[in-house]
Protein backbone atom coordinates (compact mmCIF):
# COMPACT_ATOMS: atom_id res chain seq x y z
CA MET A 1 134.58 -21.78 209.22
CA ARG A 2 135.88 -21.63 206.27
CA ASP A 3 133.45 -24.36 205.00
CA ALA A 4 130.27 -23.31 207.14
CA ALA A 5 130.03 -20.10 203.94
CA PRO A 6 128.86 -22.62 200.98
CA VAL A 7 126.04 -24.00 202.88
CA VAL A 8 124.55 -20.43 203.69
CA THR A 9 124.90 -19.29 200.45
CA GLY A 10 123.35 -22.28 198.85
CA ARG A 11 120.18 -21.31 200.85
CA ARG A 12 120.22 -17.93 200.01
CA SER A 13 120.66 -19.41 195.93
CA THR A 14 117.77 -21.57 196.33
CA ALA A 15 115.55 -18.65 198.33
CA ARG A 16 115.91 -16.46 195.38
CA THR A 17 115.74 -19.20 192.39
CA GLY A 18 112.02 -19.85 194.63
CA ARG A 19 110.84 -16.07 194.51
CA PRO A 20 109.41 -16.06 190.62
CA TRP A 21 107.64 -19.07 191.85
CA TYR A 22 106.46 -17.09 194.76
CA ARG A 23 104.77 -14.27 192.30
CA LEU A 24 103.54 -16.89 190.38
CA VAL A 25 101.57 -18.04 192.95
CA ASP A 26 100.62 -14.73 193.66
CA VAL A 27 99.64 -13.43 190.79
CA THR A 28 97.42 -16.69 190.56
CA LEU A 29 95.79 -16.27 193.47
CA ALA A 30 94.62 -12.84 192.71
CA VAL A 31 93.32 -13.57 189.56
CA PHE A 32 91.68 -16.36 191.30
CA VAL A 33 90.23 -13.88 193.44
CA LEU A 34 89.42 -11.24 191.35
CA GLY A 35 87.05 -13.93 189.55
CA MET A 36 85.65 -14.86 192.59
CA LEU A 37 84.46 -11.59 193.01
CA ALA A 38 82.91 -11.07 189.22
CA LEU A 39 81.41 -14.36 189.89
CA MET A 40 79.68 -13.30 193.27
CA ASN A 41 78.66 -10.05 191.19
CA ALA A 42 76.70 -12.01 188.48
CA MET A 43 75.63 -14.96 190.86
CA ILE A 44 72.31 -13.02 191.98
CA GLY A 45 70.88 -15.16 194.70
CA ARG A 46 74.07 -17.68 194.35
CA GLU A 47 76.66 -15.44 195.17
CA VAL A 48 78.12 -17.36 198.61
CA ILE A 49 79.22 -19.82 196.34
CA PRO A 50 82.22 -17.98 195.06
CA TYR A 51 82.36 -16.36 198.41
CA HIS A 52 82.99 -19.36 200.19
CA LEU A 53 85.82 -20.79 197.32
CA LEU A 54 87.46 -17.29 197.12
CA PHE A 55 88.08 -17.54 201.21
CA LEU A 56 88.87 -21.62 200.57
CA GLY A 57 91.07 -20.72 198.15
CA LEU A 58 93.47 -17.71 200.26
CA THR A 59 93.60 -20.31 203.22
CA LEU A 60 94.83 -22.96 200.58
CA VAL A 61 97.49 -21.15 199.28
CA TYR A 62 98.14 -19.38 202.63
CA GLY A 63 99.26 -22.58 204.45
CA PHE A 64 102.02 -22.94 201.57
CA ARG A 65 103.28 -19.29 201.10
CA VAL A 66 102.94 -17.39 204.21
CA TRP A 67 103.27 -13.32 203.55
CA PRO A 68 104.17 -10.83 205.63
CA LEU A 69 101.94 -9.60 208.46
CA ARG A 70 101.33 -6.61 207.24
CA PRO A 71 99.86 -7.23 203.95
CA THR A 72 98.43 -10.22 205.05
CA LEU A 73 95.72 -7.78 207.22
CA VAL A 74 95.61 -5.31 204.17
CA VAL A 75 94.37 -7.96 201.78
CA THR A 76 91.97 -9.73 204.37
CA LEU A 77 90.81 -6.23 204.85
CA LEU A 78 89.80 -5.16 201.36
CA VAL A 79 88.16 -8.98 200.61
CA THR A 80 86.44 -8.32 203.54
CA VAL A 81 84.94 -5.17 202.61
CA THR A 82 84.50 -5.63 198.22
CA THR A 83 82.74 -9.44 199.46
CA GLY A 84 80.72 -7.85 202.38
CA TRP A 85 79.75 -4.83 200.08
CA VAL A 86 78.62 -7.39 197.12
CA LEU A 87 76.82 -9.49 199.84
CA VAL A 88 74.90 -7.05 201.24
CA ASP A 89 74.20 -4.82 197.83
CA HIS A 90 72.43 -8.10 196.57
CA GLN A 91 70.73 -9.25 199.38
CA LEU A 92 69.08 -5.65 199.94
CA LYS A 93 68.24 -5.26 196.28
CA ASP A 94 66.60 -8.71 196.21
CA GLY A 95 65.14 -8.61 199.60
CA SER A 96 66.17 -11.45 200.80
CA SER A 97 67.46 -13.09 204.22
CA ARG A 98 70.00 -11.14 205.69
CA ALA A 99 71.39 -14.20 207.70
CA GLU A 100 74.48 -14.63 205.72
CA TRP A 101 75.34 -11.70 206.53
CA ALA A 102 76.93 -13.21 209.58
CA GLU A 103 79.47 -14.63 207.73
CA ILE A 104 80.81 -11.18 206.56
CA PRO A 105 83.12 -11.28 209.88
CA LEU A 106 83.38 -14.83 209.94
CA MET A 107 84.54 -15.96 207.20
CA PRO A 108 87.63 -13.07 207.19
CA LEU A 109 87.92 -14.68 211.69
CA LEU A 110 88.53 -17.97 210.53
CA PHE A 111 91.04 -16.89 208.17
CA LEU A 112 92.91 -15.01 210.01
CA ALA A 113 92.59 -17.91 212.85
CA MET A 114 95.03 -20.03 210.17
CA VAL A 115 97.14 -17.55 209.64
CA TRP A 116 98.08 -17.10 213.21
CA HIS A 117 98.85 -21.21 213.16
CA ALA A 118 100.51 -20.55 210.02
CA ARG A 119 102.71 -17.89 211.06
CA ARG A 120 103.49 -20.33 214.05
CA ARG A 121 104.16 -22.99 212.44
CA LYS A 122 106.73 -21.09 210.38
CA ALA A 123 108.19 -19.45 212.88
CA ALA A 124 109.28 -22.71 214.72
CA GLN A 125 110.43 -24.14 211.19
CA ASP A 126 112.50 -20.56 211.02
CA GLN A 127 113.67 -21.54 214.16
CA VAL A 128 114.69 -25.36 213.65
CA GLU A 129 116.43 -23.60 210.56
CA LEU A 130 118.59 -21.53 212.89
CA MET A 131 119.46 -24.45 215.16
CA SER A 132 119.78 -26.36 212.61
CA GLU A 133 122.79 -23.93 210.75
CA GLU A 134 124.13 -23.12 214.40
CA ARG A 135 124.49 -26.91 214.13
CA LEU A 136 126.42 -27.32 211.02
CA ALA A 137 128.54 -24.34 212.36
CA VAL A 138 129.64 -25.92 215.08
CA PHE A 139 130.37 -29.08 213.28
CA GLU A 140 132.49 -27.36 210.91
CA ARG A 141 134.32 -25.35 213.72
CA GLU A 142 135.10 -28.60 215.31
CA ARG A 143 136.05 -30.28 211.89
CA GLU A 144 138.72 -27.42 211.33
CA PHE A 145 140.00 -27.40 214.96
CA PHE A 146 140.49 -31.56 214.60
CA ARG A 147 142.38 -30.33 211.91
CA GLU A 148 144.62 -27.61 212.58
CA ALA A 149 145.31 -28.70 215.66
CA SER A 150 145.96 -32.50 214.74
CA HIS A 151 148.65 -30.42 211.94
CA ALA A 152 149.94 -28.14 214.74
CA MET A 153 151.03 -30.76 217.26
CA ARG A 154 152.23 -33.39 214.58
CA THR A 155 155.51 -31.65 213.72
CA PRO A 156 156.44 -30.63 217.61
CA VAL A 157 156.09 -34.00 218.99
CA THR A 158 157.85 -35.83 216.10
CA ILE A 159 160.97 -33.01 216.29
CA ALA A 160 160.35 -33.82 220.33
CA ILE A 161 160.90 -37.71 220.10
CA GLY A 162 163.49 -37.56 217.44
CA HIS A 163 165.27 -35.59 220.12
CA LEU A 164 164.33 -38.23 223.04
CA GLU A 165 166.04 -41.13 220.83
CA LEU A 166 169.10 -38.70 220.86
CA LEU A 167 168.96 -38.78 224.98
CA GLU A 168 168.29 -42.56 225.62
CA PRO A 169 172.50 -42.90 224.97
CA THR A 170 173.41 -40.96 227.28
CA LEU A 171 170.96 -42.18 230.03
CA GLY A 172 173.19 -42.95 233.28
CA THR A 173 170.73 -43.71 236.14
CA ARG A 174 167.90 -45.66 236.87
CA GLU A 175 165.78 -42.26 237.74
CA SER A 176 166.69 -40.92 234.38
CA ALA A 177 165.57 -44.17 232.15
CA ASP A 178 161.70 -44.07 234.35
CA ASP A 179 161.55 -40.36 233.48
CA TYR A 180 163.12 -41.29 229.77
CA ALA A 181 160.47 -43.60 229.58
CA ILE A 182 157.65 -41.97 230.87
CA VAL A 183 158.10 -39.32 228.72
CA ARG A 184 158.36 -41.12 225.33
CA ARG A 185 154.89 -42.78 226.34
CA GLN A 186 153.38 -39.73 226.78
CA MET A 187 154.66 -38.30 223.35
CA GLY A 188 153.27 -41.55 222.11
CA ARG A 189 149.83 -40.78 223.69
CA LEU A 190 150.09 -36.94 222.13
CA SER A 191 151.24 -38.39 218.51
CA ALA A 192 148.59 -40.99 218.41
CA LEU A 193 146.18 -38.13 219.52
CA SER A 194 146.98 -36.00 216.56
CA THR A 195 147.05 -38.54 214.41
CA ARG A 196 143.12 -39.59 215.74
CA LEU A 197 142.50 -35.80 215.42
CA LEU A 198 143.01 -35.54 211.58
CA ALA A 199 141.38 -39.24 211.18
CA LEU A 200 138.48 -37.88 212.15
CA ALA A 201 138.88 -34.44 210.55
CA LYS A 202 139.15 -36.49 207.80
CA LEU A 203 136.60 -39.02 207.81
CA ASP A 204 133.75 -36.17 209.00
CA SER A 205 134.74 -34.30 205.30
CA GLY A 206 133.98 -37.12 204.00
CA ARG A 207 136.71 -37.82 201.61
CA ALA A 208 139.15 -39.49 203.19
CA LEU A 209 137.77 -43.40 201.98
CA ARG A 210 139.48 -45.17 198.92
CA PRO A 211 137.59 -48.67 198.67
CA GLY A 212 138.79 -51.52 196.96
CA ASP A 213 138.77 -55.32 196.88
CA LEU A 214 139.67 -56.38 200.62
CA ASP A 215 139.84 -60.13 201.26
CA LEU A 216 138.39 -60.18 204.64
CA GLY A 217 140.09 -63.13 206.13
CA GLU A 218 143.92 -62.02 204.81
CA PHE A 219 143.20 -58.73 206.66
CA LEU A 220 142.03 -60.06 209.82
CA ALA A 221 144.70 -62.64 209.89
CA GLY A 222 147.14 -59.93 209.44
CA VAL A 223 145.71 -58.17 212.02
CA GLY A 224 145.64 -60.50 214.55
CA ARG A 225 149.22 -61.59 213.90
CA ASN A 226 150.66 -58.07 214.43
CA TRP A 227 149.04 -58.26 217.96
CA ARG A 228 149.99 -61.48 219.26
CA GLU A 229 153.57 -60.67 218.36
CA SER A 230 152.85 -57.07 220.36
CA ALA A 231 150.86 -57.52 223.69
CA ASP A 232 150.93 -60.84 225.74
CA ARG A 233 147.76 -62.07 225.76
CA ASP A 234 145.85 -65.53 225.44
CA TRP A 235 144.88 -64.60 221.81
CA SER A 236 142.42 -66.15 220.09
CA ILE A 237 141.93 -65.93 216.46
CA ASP A 238 138.68 -67.11 214.69
CA LEU A 239 138.21 -67.06 211.26
CA PRO A 240 136.05 -69.77 209.82
CA ALA A 241 136.70 -70.25 205.95
CA GLY A 242 134.70 -69.08 203.37
CA LEU A 243 135.52 -64.91 204.04
CA ARG A 244 135.17 -63.24 200.91
CA VAL A 245 136.19 -60.09 199.43
CA VAL A 246 134.47 -56.70 200.67
CA GLN A 247 134.56 -53.32 198.84
CA ALA A 248 136.86 -51.36 202.14
CA ASP A 249 139.43 -49.33 202.68
CA ARG A 250 142.23 -51.71 204.27
CA ALA A 251 143.93 -48.42 205.50
CA TRP A 252 141.27 -47.17 207.16
CA LEU A 253 139.34 -50.52 208.29
CA GLU A 254 143.01 -51.73 209.72
CA LEU A 255 143.18 -48.53 212.13
CA ALA A 256 138.97 -49.28 213.36
CA VAL A 257 139.85 -52.68 214.51
CA ASP A 258 143.36 -51.58 215.97
CA ALA A 259 141.53 -49.33 218.23
CA LEU A 260 138.87 -51.99 218.88
CA VAL A 261 141.74 -54.71 219.93
CA GLU A 262 144.34 -51.73 221.87
CA ASN A 263 141.13 -50.93 223.88
CA ALA A 264 140.30 -54.40 224.54
CA VAL A 265 144.69 -54.91 225.25
CA HIS A 266 144.36 -51.45 227.50
CA PHE A 267 141.51 -53.53 229.59
CA THR A 268 143.29 -56.41 230.05
CA ALA A 269 146.13 -57.82 231.72
CA PRO A 270 149.04 -60.61 230.80
CA GLY A 271 147.60 -64.00 229.96
CA ASP A 272 143.91 -62.89 229.67
CA ARG A 273 142.07 -63.98 226.74
CA ILE A 274 141.59 -61.77 223.34
CA ARG A 275 139.64 -63.33 220.71
CA LEU A 276 139.40 -61.90 217.63
CA SER A 277 136.58 -63.29 215.00
CA CYS A 278 134.60 -62.51 211.74
CA GLU A 279 131.13 -64.49 210.74
CA ARG A 280 129.13 -64.03 208.22
CA ALA A 281 125.28 -63.22 209.52
CA GLY A 282 122.75 -62.51 207.09
CA PRO A 283 124.03 -59.44 204.63
CA TRP A 284 126.61 -58.79 207.01
CA TYR A 285 129.88 -59.83 208.47
CA VAL A 286 130.54 -59.03 211.70
CA ILE A 287 134.23 -58.76 213.11
CA SER A 288 134.05 -59.05 216.93
CA VAL A 289 136.53 -58.17 219.67
CA ALA A 290 136.09 -59.84 222.72
CA ASP A 291 137.98 -59.34 225.84
CA ALA A 292 137.90 -60.92 229.79
CA GLY A 293 138.29 -57.68 231.04
CA PRO A 294 135.82 -55.31 233.36
CA GLY A 295 133.86 -55.07 230.74
CA ILE A 296 131.49 -51.91 230.21
CA ARG A 297 128.67 -51.13 232.87
CA ALA A 298 125.35 -50.78 231.32
CA VAL A 299 125.31 -46.76 232.49
CA ASP A 300 128.27 -46.61 230.13
CA LEU A 301 127.32 -48.08 227.14
CA PRO A 302 125.64 -45.43 225.59
CA HIS A 303 128.43 -43.19 225.85
CA VAL A 304 131.58 -45.70 224.51
CA PHE A 305 131.89 -43.93 220.92
CA GLU A 306 131.49 -40.45 222.14
CA ARG A 307 134.76 -37.96 221.46
CA PHE A 308 137.31 -37.72 223.88
CA TRP A 309 135.01 -39.91 226.76
CA HIS A 310 136.84 -42.13 228.74
CA ARG A 311 136.15 -45.50 230.32
CA ARG A 312 138.06 -45.95 233.60
CA PRO A 313 138.94 -49.20 234.63
CA PRO A 314 138.80 -50.53 237.96
CA GLY A 315 140.68 -48.54 240.41
CA ALA A 316 142.69 -46.72 237.58
CA ALA A 317 143.09 -43.46 235.62
CA PRO A 318 141.74 -43.29 231.91
CA MET A 319 144.10 -44.42 229.21
CA GLY A 320 144.34 -43.34 225.69
CA SER A 321 143.06 -40.33 224.25
CA GLY A 322 139.36 -40.73 224.00
CA LEU A 323 138.99 -41.08 220.22
CA GLY A 324 139.78 -44.40 219.28
CA LEU A 325 136.32 -45.93 219.70
CA ALA A 326 135.16 -42.72 217.89
CA MET A 327 137.33 -42.86 215.09
CA ALA A 328 136.85 -46.69 214.96
CA ARG A 329 132.61 -45.55 214.85
CA ALA A 330 133.38 -42.93 212.09
CA THR A 331 135.51 -45.01 209.79
CA VAL A 332 132.78 -47.99 210.00
CA LEU A 333 129.62 -45.75 209.15
CA ALA A 334 131.66 -44.46 206.25
CA HIS A 335 131.64 -47.83 204.62
CA ASN A 336 128.30 -48.27 204.97
CA GLY A 337 128.36 -50.32 208.20
CA ARG A 338 127.78 -50.13 212.08
CA ILE A 339 129.20 -51.00 215.19
CA ALA A 340 127.81 -51.97 218.89
CA ALA A 341 129.22 -52.57 221.95
CA GLY A 342 127.87 -55.17 224.48
CA ARG A 343 129.18 -57.53 226.79
CA ALA A 344 131.51 -60.51 225.67
CA PRO A 345 131.35 -64.28 226.73
CA GLU A 346 134.35 -64.23 228.73
CA GLY A 347 133.34 -61.35 230.37
CA GLY A 348 135.05 -58.32 229.75
CA ALA A 349 133.89 -55.84 226.41
CA LEU A 350 132.53 -57.20 223.35
CA PHE A 351 132.66 -54.65 220.35
CA GLN A 352 131.25 -55.78 217.02
CA VAL A 353 131.66 -54.14 213.30
CA PHE A 354 129.17 -54.48 211.05
CA LEU A 355 130.31 -54.43 207.39
CA PRO A 356 127.81 -55.11 204.18
CA ALA A 357 128.81 -58.66 202.11
CA ALA A 358 127.09 -56.49 198.67
CA GLN A 359 129.37 -54.15 197.20
CA ASN A 360 126.81 -51.66 196.84
CA PRO A 361 124.29 -51.67 200.77
CA GLU A 362 121.84 -49.81 201.62
CA PRO A 363 123.48 -47.07 204.75
CA ALA A 364 122.87 -49.40 208.17
CA ALA A 365 120.98 -47.30 210.71
CA VAL A 366 122.68 -47.06 213.64
């Protein structure tokens, strides 16, 4: 919540700077109303012209400048009384038709009807702004939680992993070795969780990226080489010649692509095909990670990039922290790119990262 205060303060500052303009509008309208009253008094026989202009001015200004209800009613009453008195007085003196007397209550009623609609619109707008502030406050609390939780988790997890490594040489039985492997694996998941929580907090703050020249072909070849050596899969690395240098943060982009490849590894068995490829498509470089796993159900596609959402392999428990794909999406969006999920030709999941080929692209639609 520490970051939410400046937002509220900023809105109040804007309101303060807007008040002198409101006063100027009010003063100008008051002068206009008095001028129309003077014209009504002077234009005997044609007083309905400034009369209609007066209420037209009130209506137009109130559409943009909604006054409090009590002053609005007081002003409407005063204007109705004064304009009505002028109309009645003139038409009694010159003996003209009194049919226009019907406009004395009609015009204020039309104005008050507009007041009602304007106040309803303002109430709805205030409600939307309040909901927006509440959502922003929730977002700030979530980001603060991610940052603090990740920091709080990293130290004890690191200490625990260090002590586990000290215990490894003392393991004497098969059962203790299995228990050690389980604990080590779970501590690794906690470490990955804390790292990704911190990464999301940094990405949400908008100050994480440090883009520079990145040779896309060399970068993806390195990612493929690392995974080929660490996971027993049928790897296909398809990187055509002509991949150029793009503007990207190498460390963050590597985290994003690693998260996509890791997801493919989780949902495939040894020997299954995983394909890492890249191609130019118009203004984009498209990085694709496809696998021969069970794929993504159509009902799950809208949720795959949600935080803490898990895709369940058939007959297995959910794996991972539920943050890898969310972090990949946040990283790609921070690069003014977009990310999509679908079905691969291999039959499994397909994730595609669209990176702008230009150095200063327009943000992409998600």
